[in-house]
Structure formats: C-alpha cells, structure tokens
Amino acid sequence: MDQTDYKIVRILCKDARTPFQRIAKTLGIGTDTVIRRYNKLKEDGVILGSTVVLNSK
C-alpha cells in the first residue's frame, strides 16, 4: 500500500459513499486509477466492504 492507496482509504473511511470521480479530483489522479486501486485494495483484503450506521432515534 503506497501513499495514494492510503489517501483513498482515508477518504473512504470518512465517507464510504464518496464517488470515485471526487476522490480522483481530490488526489489529482484519473478516475480509472482510483477504481483500479480500490478493486486491488478489496482483492488484497484491505477494504472488506462498507457499512450503514442507523440513527436509533
């Protein structure tokens, strides 16, 4: 995992629904690059999935 992967993970930890296009723009890389890296992180078991947290109110 390099710095770019780390930045992608950090963004997704803050909001797992962040669009790949927004991540790409924020990091100054192509959307295809973000998608490829995301898929690799999933394959490697770094990203296991995303979750929804419900408000109990």
Protein backbone atom coordinates (compact mmCIF):
# COMPACT_ATOMS: atom_id res chain seq x y z
CA MET A 1 0.00 0.00 0.00
CA ASP A 2 1.51 3.31 -1.05
CA GLN A 3 0.61 6.91 -0.18
CA THR A 4 -2.09 7.11 -2.86
CA ASP A 5 -3.76 3.94 -1.60
CA TYR A 6 -3.57 5.30 1.94
CA LYS A 7 -5.22 8.56 0.85
CA ILE A 8 -8.01 6.68 -0.93
CA VAL A 9 -8.65 4.57 2.17
CA ARG A 10 -8.62 7.66 4.40
CA ILE A 11 -11.20 9.41 2.21
CA LEU A 12 -13.43 6.32 2.18
CA CYS A 13 -13.14 5.92 5.95
CA LYS A 14 -14.58 9.41 6.36
CA ASP A 15 -17.39 8.72 3.88
CA ALA A 16 -17.59 5.33 2.18
CA ARG A 17 -20.05 6.76 -0.35
CA THR A 18 -17.57 9.28 -1.79
CA PRO A 19 -17.76 8.96 -5.58
CA PHE A 20 -14.60 7.70 -7.31
CA GLN A 21 -14.67 10.81 -9.52
CA ARG A 22 -14.50 13.09 -6.45
CA ILE A 23 -11.64 11.05 -4.96
CA ALA A 24 -9.78 11.28 -8.26
CA LYS A 25 -10.24 15.05 -8.45
CA THR A 26 -9.15 15.49 -4.82
CA LEU A 27 -6.00 13.44 -5.36
CA GLY A 28 -5.24 14.74 -8.86
CA ILE A 29 -5.40 11.31 -10.50
CA GLY A 30 -7.67 9.62 -13.02
CA THR A 31 -10.98 8.05 -12.07
CA ASP A 32 -9.84 4.79 -13.69
CA THR A 33 -6.80 4.81 -11.41
CA VAL A 34 -8.99 5.19 -8.32
CA ILE A 35 -11.25 2.35 -9.47
CA ARG A 36 -8.29 0.07 -10.21
CA ARG A 37 -6.67 0.82 -6.85
CA TYR A 38 -9.98 0.38 -4.99
CA ASN A 39 -10.52 -3.02 -6.59
CA LYS A 40 -6.95 -4.06 -5.73
CA LEU A 41 -7.43 -2.96 -2.11
CA LYS A 42 -10.57 -5.13 -1.98
CA GLU A 43 -8.77 -8.10 -3.54
CA ASP A 44 -5.92 -7.73 -1.03
CA GLY A 45 -8.36 -7.65 1.90
CA VAL A 46 -7.51 -4.08 2.90
CA ILE A 47 -11.08 -2.99 2.17
CA LEU A 48 -13.57 -5.58 3.35
CA GLY A 49 -16.73 -3.64 2.48
CA SER A 50 -18.76 -0.69 3.63
CA THR A 51 -21.47 -0.41 6.19
CA VAL A 52 -24.51 1.67 7.07
CA VAL A 53 -24.93 3.03 10.58
CA LEU A 54 -28.51 3.79 11.57
CA ASN A 55 -29.58 6.51 13.92
CA SER A 56 -31.54 4.86 16.73
CA LYS A 57 -33.92 7.82 17.11
